[in-house]
Amino acid sequence: FESKGNLSFGTIDVGGVVEIGGNGEGEAIDVGGVLQVGGSLSLKRDLEIGGRARIGGALKLNSLEVGGEVEAELIEAQDTVEVGGRLRTSKGTKARTIELGDRSEAMGPLIAVEVRIGEKAEVEDVYAERVELQEKARARNLYVNEGRFESRCRITGEVLYRDRVEAEPDVEFAKPPVRTGELPKPPL
């Protein structure tokens, strides 16, 4: 399916490729393969992608589920963001819950109430009420109320927390976690 300019729609359900040259606005999109949007995309409900999504501007929606990879300037979801492969933003991803699969990768800040990072996954900065890093996950900076880090996780920057941090003995911290009364404001 291809649209050269801006597109308003109800729902789009395509097995292969969807290309929208300008901005897109609608209810929901379900694509088995690739979604390419030149501008921003705004959905009242959900976006489900089996393969890859590239959004030139901002992506605003209720929830996002991506099997492969998603790229946008900014992602704002009312509910959940689930990514199996790669999540790449320049300004960040904001949702109620962000869940990254095993061996996945996220570039750009993650801002949520709850963030779960799968085994051997890699993220940059996380701003959350609660964060969970599963075995061998890697993160740069964590700004959280509470955190749980499983075996052999690695944090290369700082961990600032308000309530508590639970870490297995073999978790690698570049600097010891610091308890603070006030966490830095997220960039979104």
N, C-alpha and C. Protein backbone atom coordinates (compact mmCIF):
# COMPACT_ATOMS: atom_id res chain seq x y z
N PHE A 1 0.84 -1.18 0.00
CA PHE A 1 0.00 0.00 0.00
C PHE A 1 0.89 1.24 0.00
N GLU A 2 0.57 2.23 -0.86
CA GLU A 2 1.40 3.43 -0.92
C GLU A 2 0.53 4.67 -1.03
N SER A 3 0.88 5.70 -0.28
CA SER A 3 0.22 7.01 -0.35
C SER A 3 1.32 8.06 -0.47
N LYS A 4 1.23 8.90 -1.52
CA LYS A 4 2.30 9.88 -1.78
C LYS A 4 2.35 11.01 -0.75
N GLY A 5 1.18 11.52 -0.31
CA GLY A 5 1.15 12.68 0.60
C GLY A 5 0.68 12.31 1.99
N ASN A 6 -0.02 13.26 2.64
CA ASN A 6 -0.61 13.01 3.95
C ASN A 6 -1.78 12.05 3.79
N LEU A 7 -2.08 11.29 4.85
CA LEU A 7 -3.14 10.30 4.77
C LEU A 7 -3.92 10.22 6.07
N SER A 8 -5.26 10.36 5.97
CA SER A 8 -6.16 10.10 7.10
C SER A 8 -6.87 8.79 6.80
N PHE A 9 -6.97 7.91 7.79
CA PHE A 9 -7.53 6.58 7.55
C PHE A 9 -8.20 6.03 8.80
N GLY A 10 -8.96 4.95 8.62
CA GLY A 10 -9.53 4.21 9.75
C GLY A 10 -8.47 3.25 10.24
N THR A 11 -8.48 2.03 9.70
CA THR A 11 -7.43 1.08 10.04
C THR A 11 -6.75 0.61 8.77
N ILE A 12 -5.48 0.29 8.88
CA ILE A 12 -4.71 -0.27 7.77
C ILE A 12 -4.22 -1.64 8.23
N ASP A 13 -4.48 -2.67 7.44
CA ASP A 13 -4.03 -4.02 7.75
C ASP A 13 -3.41 -4.59 6.48
N VAL A 14 -2.09 -4.67 6.43
CA VAL A 14 -1.37 -5.08 5.23
C VAL A 14 -0.33 -6.13 5.60
N GLY A 15 -0.21 -7.16 4.78
CA GLY A 15 0.78 -8.20 5.03
C GLY A 15 2.20 -7.76 4.71
N GLY A 16 2.36 -6.93 3.69
CA GLY A 16 3.71 -6.58 3.23
C GLY A 16 4.22 -5.23 3.64
N VAL A 17 4.07 -4.23 2.74
CA VAL A 17 4.69 -2.92 2.94
C VAL A 17 3.64 -1.81 2.89
N VAL A 18 3.75 -0.85 3.83
CA VAL A 18 2.91 0.34 3.83
C VAL A 18 3.83 1.55 3.78
N GLU A 19 3.61 2.43 2.78
CA GLU A 19 4.40 3.67 2.69
C GLU A 19 3.46 4.86 2.67
N ILE A 20 3.69 5.79 3.59
CA ILE A 20 2.94 7.04 3.62
C ILE A 20 3.96 8.16 3.44
N GLY A 21 3.83 8.91 2.34
CA GLY A 21 4.83 9.93 2.02
C GLY A 21 4.88 11.08 3.01
N GLY A 22 3.72 11.51 3.53
CA GLY A 22 3.67 12.65 4.46
C GLY A 22 3.35 12.20 5.87
N ASN A 23 2.38 12.91 6.50
CA ASN A 23 1.93 12.55 7.85
C ASN A 23 0.77 11.56 7.75
N GLY A 24 0.64 10.72 8.77
CA GLY A 24 -0.46 9.76 8.81
C GLY A 24 -1.27 9.97 10.08
N GLU A 25 -2.61 9.84 9.94
CA GLU A 25 -3.49 9.97 11.10
C GLU A 25 -4.63 8.99 10.97
N GLY A 26 -4.85 8.16 12.01
CA GLY A 26 -5.92 7.18 11.92
C GLY A 26 -6.14 6.43 13.21
N GLU A 27 -6.90 5.31 13.08
CA GLU A 27 -7.26 4.48 14.23
C GLU A 27 -6.10 3.55 14.61
N ALA A 28 -5.75 2.64 13.68
CA ALA A 28 -4.77 1.59 13.99
C ALA A 28 -4.10 1.10 12.70
N ILE A 29 -2.90 0.53 12.88
CA ILE A 29 -2.17 -0.06 11.75
C ILE A 29 -1.62 -1.41 12.19
N ASP A 30 -1.77 -2.40 11.31
CA ASP A 30 -1.20 -3.73 11.53
C ASP A 30 -0.48 -4.11 10.23
N VAL A 31 0.84 -4.21 10.30
CA VAL A 31 1.63 -4.51 9.11
C VAL A 31 2.54 -5.70 9.40
N GLY A 32 2.51 -6.68 8.49
CA GLY A 32 3.37 -7.85 8.67
C GLY A 32 4.82 -7.55 8.36
N GLY A 33 5.06 -6.68 7.40
CA GLY A 33 6.43 -6.42 6.95
C GLY A 33 6.99 -5.10 7.38
N VAL A 34 6.86 -4.07 6.52
CA VAL A 34 7.54 -2.78 6.72
C VAL A 34 6.54 -1.63 6.67
N LEU A 35 6.69 -0.68 7.59
CA LEU A 35 5.92 0.56 7.58
C LEU A 35 6.90 1.72 7.46
N GLN A 36 6.66 2.57 6.46
CA GLN A 36 7.53 3.72 6.23
C GLN A 36 6.63 4.96 6.20
N VAL A 37 6.89 5.92 7.11
CA VAL A 37 6.11 7.16 7.13
C VAL A 37 7.09 8.33 7.03
N GLY A 38 6.90 9.20 6.01
CA GLY A 38 7.82 10.32 5.81
C GLY A 38 7.75 11.35 6.93
N GLY A 39 6.54 11.64 7.42
CA GLY A 39 6.37 12.64 8.48
C GLY A 39 6.06 12.00 9.81
N SER A 40 5.07 12.57 10.53
CA SER A 40 4.66 12.03 11.83
C SER A 40 3.47 11.09 11.65
N LEU A 41 3.25 10.25 12.65
CA LEU A 41 2.13 9.32 12.63
C LEU A 41 1.39 9.40 13.95
N SER A 42 0.08 9.61 13.86
CA SER A 42 -0.75 9.71 15.06
C SER A 42 -1.89 8.70 14.96
N LEU A 43 -1.97 7.80 15.96
CA LEU A 43 -3.00 6.77 15.97
C LEU A 43 -3.81 6.84 17.25
N LYS A 44 -5.14 6.62 17.13
CA LYS A 44 -5.99 6.60 18.32
C LYS A 44 -5.78 5.32 19.10
N ARG A 45 -5.44 4.25 18.39
CA ARG A 45 -5.25 2.96 19.06
C ARG A 45 -3.82 2.46 18.88
N ASP A 46 -3.68 1.30 18.22
CA ASP A 46 -2.41 0.57 18.27
C ASP A 46 -1.70 0.45 16.93
N LEU A 47 -0.40 0.25 17.04
CA LEU A 47 0.44 -0.05 15.88
C LEU A 47 1.11 -1.38 16.15
N GLU A 48 0.89 -2.34 15.24
CA GLU A 48 1.54 -3.65 15.35
C GLU A 48 2.34 -3.87 14.08
N ILE A 49 3.63 -4.16 14.25
CA ILE A 49 4.53 -4.36 13.12
C ILE A 49 5.28 -5.67 13.33
N GLY A 50 5.24 -6.53 12.31
CA GLY A 50 6.00 -7.77 12.41
C GLY A 50 7.48 -7.53 12.11
N GLY A 51 7.75 -6.63 11.19
CA GLY A 51 9.13 -6.40 10.75
C GLY A 51 9.73 -5.10 11.24
N ARG A 52 9.60 -4.03 10.39
CA ARG A 52 10.32 -2.79 10.67
C ARG A 52 9.41 -1.59 10.44
N ALA A 53 9.54 -0.58 11.31
CA ALA A 53 8.80 0.67 11.14
C ALA A 53 9.77 1.84 11.19
N ARG A 54 9.67 2.74 10.18
CA ARG A 54 10.48 3.96 10.18
C ARG A 54 9.53 5.14 10.09
N ILE A 55 9.55 5.98 11.11
CA ILE A 55 8.69 7.16 11.15
C ILE A 55 9.62 8.38 11.12
N GLY A 56 9.42 9.26 10.12
CA GLY A 56 10.30 10.43 9.99
C GLY A 56 10.19 11.41 11.14
N GLY A 57 8.99 11.57 11.70
CA GLY A 57 8.78 12.52 12.80
C GLY A 57 8.41 11.80 14.08
N ALA A 58 7.35 12.31 14.74
CA ALA A 58 6.90 11.74 16.01
C ALA A 58 5.86 10.64 15.78
N LEU A 59 5.84 9.67 16.67
CA LEU A 59 4.84 8.61 16.66
C LEU A 59 4.04 8.73 17.95
N LYS A 60 2.73 9.03 17.82
CA LYS A 60 1.86 9.15 18.99
C LYS A 60 0.73 8.15 18.83
N LEU A 61 0.50 7.35 19.89
CA LEU A 61 -0.47 6.27 19.79
C LEU A 61 -0.83 5.73 21.17
N ASN A 62 -1.73 4.72 21.20
CA ASN A 62 -2.08 4.09 22.46
C ASN A 62 -1.02 3.06 22.85
N SER A 63 -0.79 2.08 21.98
CA SER A 63 0.27 1.12 22.27
C SER A 63 0.97 0.66 20.99
N LEU A 64 2.20 0.18 21.18
CA LEU A 64 3.08 -0.18 20.08
C LEU A 64 3.64 -1.57 20.33
N GLU A 65 3.56 -2.42 19.31
CA GLU A 65 4.15 -3.75 19.40
C GLU A 65 4.95 -4.00 18.13
N VAL A 66 6.26 -4.19 18.29
CA VAL A 66 7.15 -4.36 17.15
C VAL A 66 7.97 -5.63 17.33
N GLY A 67 7.90 -6.52 16.32
CA GLY A 67 8.70 -7.74 16.39
C GLY A 67 10.15 -7.46 16.04
N GLY A 68 10.37 -6.61 15.06
CA GLY A 68 11.72 -6.33 14.57
C GLY A 68 12.28 -5.04 15.11
N GLU A 69 12.20 -3.95 14.30
CA GLU A 69 12.77 -2.68 14.77
C GLU A 69 11.85 -1.52 14.46
N VAL A 70 11.98 -0.48 15.28
CA VAL A 70 11.20 0.75 15.09
C VAL A 70 12.13 1.94 15.25
N GLU A 71 11.95 2.93 14.37
CA GLU A 71 12.77 4.12 14.40
C GLU A 71 11.85 5.33 14.25
N ALA A 72 12.00 6.32 15.14
CA ALA A 72 11.22 7.55 15.07
C ALA A 72 11.99 8.64 15.80
N GLU A 73 11.59 9.89 15.54
CA GLU A 73 12.20 11.00 16.26
C GLU A 73 11.82 10.90 17.74
N LEU A 74 10.55 10.56 17.97
CA LEU A 74 9.98 10.53 19.32
C LEU A 74 8.83 9.53 19.31
N ILE A 75 8.68 8.75 20.40
CA ILE A 75 7.54 7.84 20.52
C ILE A 75 6.82 8.15 21.82
N GLU A 76 5.52 8.45 21.72
CA GLU A 76 4.70 8.68 22.91
C GLU A 76 3.51 7.76 22.86
N ALA A 77 3.45 6.81 23.82
CA ALA A 77 2.35 5.86 23.89
C ALA A 77 1.60 6.05 25.21
N GLN A 78 0.27 5.99 25.14
CA GLN A 78 -0.54 6.11 26.36
C GLN A 78 -0.35 4.87 27.24
N ASP A 79 -0.18 3.71 26.61
CA ASP A 79 -0.15 2.47 27.36
C ASP A 79 1.22 1.79 27.27
N THR A 80 1.38 0.81 26.37
CA THR A 80 2.60 0.02 26.36
C THR A 80 3.40 0.15 25.07
N VAL A 81 4.71 -0.05 25.21
CA VAL A 81 5.61 -0.17 24.06
C VAL A 81 6.36 -1.48 24.26
N GLU A 82 6.20 -2.41 23.31
CA GLU A 82 6.89 -3.70 23.36
C GLU A 82 7.72 -3.83 22.10
N VAL A 83 9.02 -4.06 22.27
CA VAL A 83 9.91 -4.17 21.11
C VAL A 83 10.75 -5.44 21.25
N GLY A 84 10.73 -6.25 20.18
CA GLY A 84 11.51 -7.48 20.20
C GLY A 84 12.94 -7.28 19.72
N GLY A 85 13.15 -6.31 18.85
CA GLY A 85 14.48 -6.12 18.26
C GLY A 85 15.15 -4.82 18.65
N ARG A 86 14.98 -3.78 17.80
CA ARG A 86 15.69 -2.53 18.04
C ARG A 86 14.70 -1.37 18.11
N LEU A 87 14.94 -0.49 19.08
CA LEU A 87 14.14 0.71 19.28
C LEU A 87 15.11 1.89 19.20
N ARG A 88 14.86 2.81 18.23
CA ARG A 88 15.80 3.90 18.03
C ARG A 88 15.04 5.22 17.93
N THR A 89 15.31 6.15 18.86
CA THR A 89 14.71 7.49 18.79
C THR A 89 15.80 8.52 19.06
N SER A 90 15.58 9.74 18.54
CA SER A 90 16.54 10.80 18.86
C SER A 90 16.11 11.54 20.12
N LYS A 91 14.77 11.66 20.34
CA LYS A 91 14.29 12.41 21.51
C LYS A 91 13.80 11.54 22.65
N GLY A 92 13.49 10.27 22.39
CA GLY A 92 13.09 9.38 23.47
C GLY A 92 11.78 8.66 23.24
N THR A 93 11.50 7.72 24.14
CA THR A 93 10.28 6.92 24.13
C THR A 93 9.61 7.07 25.47
N LYS A 94 8.31 7.44 25.44
CA LYS A 94 7.58 7.63 26.68
C LYS A 94 6.32 6.78 26.64
N ALA A 95 6.06 6.00 27.71
CA ALA A 95 4.89 5.13 27.78
C ALA A 95 4.61 4.81 29.24
N ARG A 96 3.48 4.13 29.48
CA ARG A 96 3.22 3.67 30.85
C ARG A 96 4.16 2.50 31.15
N THR A 97 4.24 1.55 30.21
CA THR A 97 5.12 0.39 30.36
C THR A 97 5.96 0.25 29.10
N ILE A 98 7.26 0.02 29.27
CA ILE A 98 8.15 -0.27 28.14
C ILE A 98 8.77 -1.63 28.40
N GLU A 99 8.64 -2.52 27.41
CA GLU A 99 9.19 -3.86 27.55
C GLU A 99 10.07 -4.17 26.34
N LEU A 100 11.33 -4.51 26.62
CA LEU A 100 12.27 -4.85 25.55
C LEU A 100 12.60 -6.34 25.66
N GLY A 101 12.54 -7.02 24.51
CA GLY A 101 12.80 -8.46 24.50
C GLY A 101 14.27 -8.80 24.72
N ASP A 102 14.52 -10.10 24.86
CA ASP A 102 15.89 -10.59 25.01
C ASP A 102 16.73 -10.18 23.81
N ARG A 103 17.96 -9.79 24.06
CA ARG A 103 18.94 -9.38 23.04
C ARG A 103 18.49 -8.16 22.23
N SER A 104 17.56 -7.40 22.75
CA SER A 104 17.11 -6.21 22.02
C SER A 104 18.03 -5.03 22.34
N GLU A 105 17.76 -3.91 21.67
CA GLU A 105 18.63 -2.74 21.82
C GLU A 105 17.76 -1.48 21.73
N ALA A 106 18.00 -0.53 22.65
CA ALA A 106 17.25 0.73 22.61
C ALA A 106 18.22 1.90 22.60
N MET A 107 18.00 2.83 21.66
CA MET A 107 18.80 4.05 21.60
C MET A 107 17.86 5.22 21.83
N GLY A 108 18.26 6.13 22.69
CA GLY A 108 17.40 7.23 23.10
C GLY A 108 16.84 6.93 24.48
N PRO A 109 16.50 7.98 25.24
CA PRO A 109 16.01 7.78 26.60
C PRO A 109 14.66 7.05 26.65
N LEU A 110 14.48 6.24 27.69
CA LEU A 110 13.23 5.53 27.93
C LEU A 110 12.59 6.13 29.18
N ILE A 111 11.32 6.58 29.06
CA ILE A 111 10.63 7.22 30.17
C ILE A 111 9.32 6.48 30.39
N ALA A 112 9.14 5.87 31.58
CA ALA A 112 7.92 5.10 31.83
C ALA A 112 7.71 4.90 33.33
N VAL A 113 6.53 4.40 33.66
CA VAL A 113 6.27 4.00 35.03
C VAL A 113 7.07 2.72 35.29
N GLU A 114 6.95 1.78 34.36
CA GLU A 114 7.64 0.50 34.51
C GLU A 114 8.42 0.16 33.25
N VAL A 115 9.70 -0.25 33.44
CA VAL A 115 10.55 -0.64 32.30
C VAL A 115 11.13 -2.02 32.60
N ARG A 116 10.91 -2.96 31.65
CA ARG A 116 11.49 -4.30 31.77
C ARG A 116 12.42 -4.52 30.59
N ILE A 117 13.66 -4.88 30.90
CA ILE A 117 14.68 -5.05 29.87
C ILE A 117 15.11 -6.51 29.87
N GLY A 118 14.94 -7.16 28.72
CA GLY A 118 15.19 -8.60 28.61
C GLY A 118 16.66 -8.97 28.72
N GLU A 119 16.90 -10.29 28.78
CA GLU A 119 18.27 -10.83 28.90
C GLU A 119 19.15 -10.34 27.76
N LYS A 120 20.37 -9.97 28.08
CA LYS A 120 21.39 -9.54 27.11
C LYS A 120 20.94 -8.36 26.26
N ALA A 121 19.94 -7.61 26.72
CA ALA A 121 19.49 -6.42 25.99
C ALA A 121 20.36 -5.24 26.39
N GLU A 122 20.36 -4.18 25.56
CA GLU A 122 21.20 -3.02 25.83
C GLU A 122 20.39 -1.74 25.67
N VAL A 123 20.46 -0.87 26.70
CA VAL A 123 19.74 0.40 26.67
C VAL A 123 20.66 1.55 27.08
N GLU A 124 20.21 2.77 26.80
CA GLU A 124 20.98 3.93 27.23
C GLU A 124 20.42 4.42 28.57
N ASP A 125 19.69 5.53 28.59
CA ASP A 125 19.20 6.10 29.85
C ASP A 125 17.75 5.72 30.11
N VAL A 126 17.44 5.39 31.37
CA VAL A 126 16.09 5.01 31.76
C VAL A 126 15.63 5.91 32.91
N TYR A 127 14.42 6.49 32.75
CA TYR A 127 13.76 7.27 33.79
C TYR A 127 12.47 6.53 34.11
N ALA A 128 12.35 5.95 35.31
CA ALA A 128 11.18 5.12 35.59
C ALA A 128 10.88 5.04 37.09
N GLU A 129 9.62 4.69 37.39
CA GLU A 129 9.26 4.37 38.78
C GLU A 129 9.99 3.07 39.16
N ARG A 130 9.81 2.05 38.28
CA ARG A 130 10.42 0.74 38.53
C ARG A 130 11.14 0.28 37.27
N VAL A 131 12.34 -0.26 37.45
CA VAL A 131 13.07 -0.84 36.31
C VAL A 131 13.55 -2.23 36.70
N GLU A 132 13.49 -3.13 35.72
CA GLU A 132 14.00 -4.49 35.93
C GLU A 132 14.94 -4.82 34.78
N LEU A 133 16.16 -5.18 35.11
CA LEU A 133 17.14 -5.62 34.12
C LEU A 133 17.32 -7.11 34.30
N GLN A 134 17.01 -7.88 33.25
CA GLN A 134 17.19 -9.33 33.35
C GLN A 134 18.65 -9.67 33.08
N GLU A 135 18.98 -10.95 33.26
CA GLU A 135 20.35 -11.42 33.20
C GLU A 135 21.17 -10.84 32.04
N LYS A 136 22.37 -10.36 32.36
CA LYS A 136 23.35 -9.85 31.40
C LYS A 136 22.88 -8.63 30.61
N ALA A 137 21.85 -7.93 31.08
CA ALA A 137 21.40 -6.71 30.39
C ALA A 137 22.40 -5.60 30.68
N ARG A 138 22.48 -4.61 29.77
CA ARG A 138 23.40 -3.49 29.94
C ARG A 138 22.65 -2.18 29.84
N ALA A 139 23.03 -1.22 30.68
CA ALA A 139 22.40 0.10 30.65
C ALA A 139 23.45 1.16 30.91
N ARG A 140 23.16 2.40 30.47
CA ARG A 140 24.07 3.49 30.75
C ARG A 140 23.68 4.12 32.09
N ASN A 141 22.68 4.99 32.11
CA ASN A 141 22.25 5.67 33.34
C ASN A 141 20.83 5.25 33.70
N LEU A 142 20.59 5.06 35.00
CA LEU A 142 19.27 4.69 35.49
C LEU A 142 18.83 5.69 36.56
N TYR A 143 17.64 6.29 36.36
CA TYR A 143 17.06 7.24 37.32
C TYR A 143 15.70 6.69 37.72
N VAL A 144 15.63 6.03 38.88
CA VAL A 144 14.45 5.22 39.21
C VAL A 144 14.06 5.36 40.69
N ASN A 145 12.80 5.05 40.98
CA ASN A 145 12.39 4.92 42.38
C ASN A 145 12.91 3.60 42.92
N GLU A 146 12.68 2.53 42.16
CA GLU A 146 13.24 1.24 42.57
C GLU A 146 13.73 0.44 41.37
N GLY A 147 14.77 -0.36 41.61
CA GLY A 147 15.36 -1.13 40.54
C GLY A 147 15.71 -2.53 40.99
N ARG A 148 15.65 -3.48 40.05
CA ARG A 148 16.04 -4.87 40.31
C ARG A 148 16.93 -5.31 39.17
N PHE A 149 18.15 -5.75 39.52
CA PHE A 149 19.14 -6.10 38.52
C PHE A 149 19.56 -7.55 38.72
N GLU A 150 19.33 -8.37 37.69
CA GLU A 150 19.67 -9.79 37.78
C GLU A 150 21.15 -10.01 37.49
N SER A 151 21.54 -11.27 37.58
CA SER A 151 22.92 -11.69 37.47
C SER A 151 23.64 -11.13 36.23
N ARG A 152 24.87 -10.67 36.43
CA ARG A 152 25.80 -10.21 35.40
C ARG A 152 25.30 -9.02 34.57
N CYS A 153 24.42 -8.20 35.13
CA CYS A 153 24.04 -6.95 34.45
C CYS A 153 25.21 -5.98 34.56
N ARG A 154 25.23 -5.00 33.64
CA ARG A 154 26.31 -4.02 33.67
C ARG A 154 25.74 -2.63 33.49
N ILE A 155 26.04 -1.74 34.43
CA ILE A 155 25.60 -0.35 34.33
C ILE A 155 26.85 0.50 34.17
N THR A 156 26.98 1.18 33.00
CA THR A 156 28.22 1.87 32.67
C THR A 156 28.24 3.32 33.14
N GLY A 157 27.08 3.87 33.53
CA GLY A 157 27.02 5.26 33.99
C GLY A 157 26.68 5.31 35.46
N GLU A 158 25.61 6.07 35.79
CA GLU A 158 25.22 6.21 37.19
C GLU A 158 23.84 5.61 37.45
N VAL A 159 23.62 5.23 38.71
CA VAL A 159 22.31 4.78 39.16
C VAL A 159 21.89 5.69 40.29
N LEU A 160 20.84 6.49 40.05
CA LEU A 160 20.27 7.31 41.11
C LEU A 160 18.90 6.73 41.41
N TYR A 161 18.62 6.48 42.70
CA TYR A 161 17.34 5.88 43.04
C TYR A 161 16.76 6.53 44.29
N ARG A 162 15.43 6.44 44.43
CA ARG A 162 14.76 7.06 45.56
C ARG A 162 14.45 6.06 46.67
N ASP A 163 13.90 4.88 46.32
CA ASP A 163 13.46 3.94 47.35
C ASP A 163 14.42 2.79 47.60
N ARG A 164 14.58 1.92 46.60
CA ARG A 164 15.50 0.79 46.82
C ARG A 164 16.01 0.20 45.52
N VAL A 165 17.17 -0.47 45.64
CA VAL A 165 17.77 -1.18 44.52
C VAL A 165 18.14 -2.57 45.01
N GLU A 166 17.73 -3.59 44.27
CA GLU A 166 18.12 -4.97 44.56
C GLU A 166 19.01 -5.43 43.42
N ALA A 167 20.22 -5.89 43.76
CA ALA A 167 21.13 -6.34 42.71
C ALA A 167 21.80 -7.64 43.13
N GLU A 168 21.93 -8.56 42.18
CA GLU A 168 22.68 -9.79 42.42
C GLU A 168 24.13 -9.39 42.71
N PRO A 169 24.87 -10.22 43.45
CA PRO A 169 26.25 -9.85 43.81
C PRO A 169 27.19 -9.63 42.62
N ASP A 170 26.91 -10.27 41.47
CA ASP A 170 27.82 -10.15 40.32
C ASP A 170 27.41 -9.06 39.33
N VAL A 171 26.54 -8.12 39.74
CA VAL A 171 26.18 -6.99 38.88
C VAL A 171 27.35 -6.01 38.87
N GLU A 172 27.72 -5.52 37.68
CA GLU A 172 28.83 -4.56 37.56
C GLU A 172 28.30 -3.14 37.50
N PHE A 173 28.71 -2.32 38.46
CA PHE A 173 28.35 -0.89 38.47
C PHE A 173 29.61 -0.08 38.20
N ALA A 174 29.55 0.89 37.29
CA ALA A 174 30.69 1.79 37.06
C ALA A 174 30.90 2.63 38.32
N LYS A 175 29.79 3.06 38.94
CA LYS A 175 29.82 3.78 40.22
C LYS A 175 28.74 3.14 41.10
N PRO A 176 28.96 3.10 42.43
CA PRO A 176 27.91 2.52 43.28
C PRO A 176 26.61 3.32 43.17
N PRO A 177 25.43 2.62 43.25
CA PRO A 177 24.16 3.32 43.20
C PRO A 177 24.05 4.35 44.33
N VAL A 178 23.41 5.49 44.04
CA VAL A 178 23.29 6.57 45.03
C VAL A 178 21.81 6.81 45.31
N ARG A 179 21.47 6.80 46.60
CA ARG A 179 20.10 7.11 47.00
C ARG A 179 19.95 8.63 47.06
N THR A 180 18.85 9.14 46.49
CA THR A 180 18.67 10.59 46.42
C THR A 180 17.21 10.93 46.71
N GLY A 181 16.98 12.14 47.19
CA GLY A 181 15.61 12.59 47.46
C GLY A 181 14.92 13.04 46.19
N GLU A 182 15.72 13.54 45.23
CA GLU A 182 15.15 14.06 43.99
C GLU A 182 15.89 13.52 42.78
N LEU A 183 15.12 12.94 41.86
CA LEU A 183 15.69 12.38 40.65
C LEU A 183 15.70 13.45 39.56
N PRO A 184 16.63 13.36 38.60
CA PRO A 184 16.64 14.32 37.49
C PRO A 184 15.35 14.22 36.68
N LYS A 185 14.93 15.32 36.11
CA LYS A 185 13.72 15.35 35.28
C LYS A 185 14.00 14.64 33.96
N PRO A 186 13.06 13.80 33.49
CA PRO A 186 13.25 13.17 32.19
C PRO A 186 13.20 14.22 31.08
N PRO A 187 13.85 13.95 29.94
CA PRO A 187 13.91 14.92 28.85
C PRO A 187 12.58 15.10 28.12
N LEU A 188 11.54 14.32 28.45
CA LEU A 188 10.23 14.44 27.80
C LEU A 188 9.16 14.75 28.82
